[in-house]
């Protein structure tokens, strides 16, 4: 299923995409340079202000935990979420 990309960020020298899937309404996180499977996790708690990153592909767990990448993924995801809300609310 195609990811509807809402925003991108460069984190740890890789381009990361944030988007939604119609069948699973979460803010998904995917690598732009990986085709199978590009999605490696999702963010929850964005609406409550307590975002959490859930890594669904364990092959990328070490990458997400290196340095401050988890914090960057959450911070950029929260920015994408807020921008999407502003765009939807007009």
Protein backbone atom coordinates (compact mmCIF):
# COMPACT_ATOMS: atom_id res chain seq x y z
CA UNK A 1 0.00 0.00 0.00
CA UNK A 2 1.32 3.46 -0.89
CA UNK A 3 2.35 5.87 1.80
CA UNK A 4 0.80 9.34 1.44
CA UNK A 5 3.86 11.46 2.23
CA UNK A 6 3.17 14.48 4.43
CA UNK A 7 6.75 15.56 5.07
CA UNK A 8 10.42 14.61 4.94
CA UNK A 9 13.55 15.17 7.03
CA UNK A 10 17.21 14.23 6.76
CA UNK A 11 18.21 12.27 9.85
CA UNK A 12 21.47 10.40 10.33
CA UNK A 13 22.47 11.03 6.68
CA UNK A 14 19.28 9.38 5.39
CA UNK A 15 16.11 10.88 3.99
CA UNK A 16 13.10 9.93 6.11
CA UNK A 17 9.49 10.27 4.97
CA UNK A 18 6.49 10.79 7.23
CA UNK A 19 3.08 9.81 5.95
CA UNK A 20 -0.21 8.04 6.39
CA UNK A 21 -1.77 4.83 5.14
CA UNK A 22 -5.51 4.82 4.55
CA UNK A 23 -5.95 1.37 6.06
CA UNK A 24 -3.87 2.19 9.17
CA UNK A 25 -4.30 5.83 10.23
CA UNK A 26 -1.06 6.60 12.06
CA UNK A 27 1.90 8.80 11.24
CA UNK A 28 4.20 6.24 9.63
CA UNK A 29 7.97 6.68 9.25
CA UNK A 30 9.82 5.31 6.21
CA UNK A 31 13.20 5.52 4.51
CA UNK A 32 13.12 7.20 1.11
CA UNK A 33 16.02 5.08 -0.21
CA UNK A 34 14.65 1.64 0.72
CA UNK A 35 12.03 -0.07 -1.39
CA UNK A 36 11.26 -3.21 0.61
CA UNK A 37 10.07 -2.56 3.23
CA UNK A 38 10.48 1.21 3.41
CA UNK A 39 8.26 1.67 6.49
CA UNK A 40 10.17 1.01 9.70
CA UNK A 41 7.86 2.46 12.35
CA UNK A 42 5.16 4.89 13.35
CA UNK A 43 4.46 7.64 15.86
CA UNK A 44 1.63 7.76 18.37
CA UNK A 45 0.62 10.32 20.97
CA UNK A 46 1.00 13.27 18.61
CA UNK A 47 -2.41 14.74 19.41
CA UNK A 48 -1.81 14.51 23.16
CA UNK A 49 1.67 16.04 23.06
CA UNK A 50 3.35 12.85 24.28
CA UNK A 51 4.73 11.35 21.06
CA UNK A 52 6.29 7.89 21.04
CA UNK A 53 8.20 6.17 18.23
CA UNK A 54 7.29 2.50 17.65
CA UNK A 55 9.85 0.64 15.52
CA UNK A 56 8.09 -2.12 13.57
CA UNK A 57 11.08 -3.38 11.59
CA UNK A 58 13.72 -4.58 14.06
CA UNK A 59 16.42 -4.41 11.37
CA UNK A 60 16.36 -0.64 11.80
CA UNK A 61 16.18 -0.52 15.60
CA UNK A 62 19.92 0.07 16.07
CA UNK A 63 19.85 2.91 13.52
CA UNK A 64 16.99 4.65 15.30
CA UNK A 65 18.77 4.38 18.66
CA UNK A 66 22.10 5.81 17.45
CA UNK A 67 22.85 9.27 18.81
CA UNK A 68 19.75 11.43 19.04
CA UNK A 69 17.95 9.94 16.03
CA UNK A 70 14.90 8.83 18.03
CA UNK A 71 14.50 12.39 19.34
CA UNK A 72 14.94 13.78 15.82
CA UNK A 73 12.40 11.35 14.37
CA UNK A 74 9.88 12.34 17.03
CA UNK A 75 10.57 16.07 16.74
CA UNK A 76 10.27 16.12 12.94
CA UNK A 77 7.21 13.86 13.10
CA UNK A 78 5.54 16.27 15.51
CA UNK A 79 6.31 19.16 13.13
CA UNK A 80 4.84 17.22 10.19
CA UNK A 81 1.74 16.38 12.26
CA UNK A 82 1.20 20.02 13.24
CA UNK A 83 1.72 21.25 9.67
CA UNK A 84 -0.80 18.69 8.38
CA UNK A 85 -3.33 19.76 11.02
CA UNK A 86 -2.93 23.43 10.04
CA UNK A 87 -3.36 22.56 6.35
CA UNK A 88 -6.49 20.51 7.04
CA UNK A 89 -8.05 23.13 9.30
CA UNK A 90 -7.40 25.92 6.80
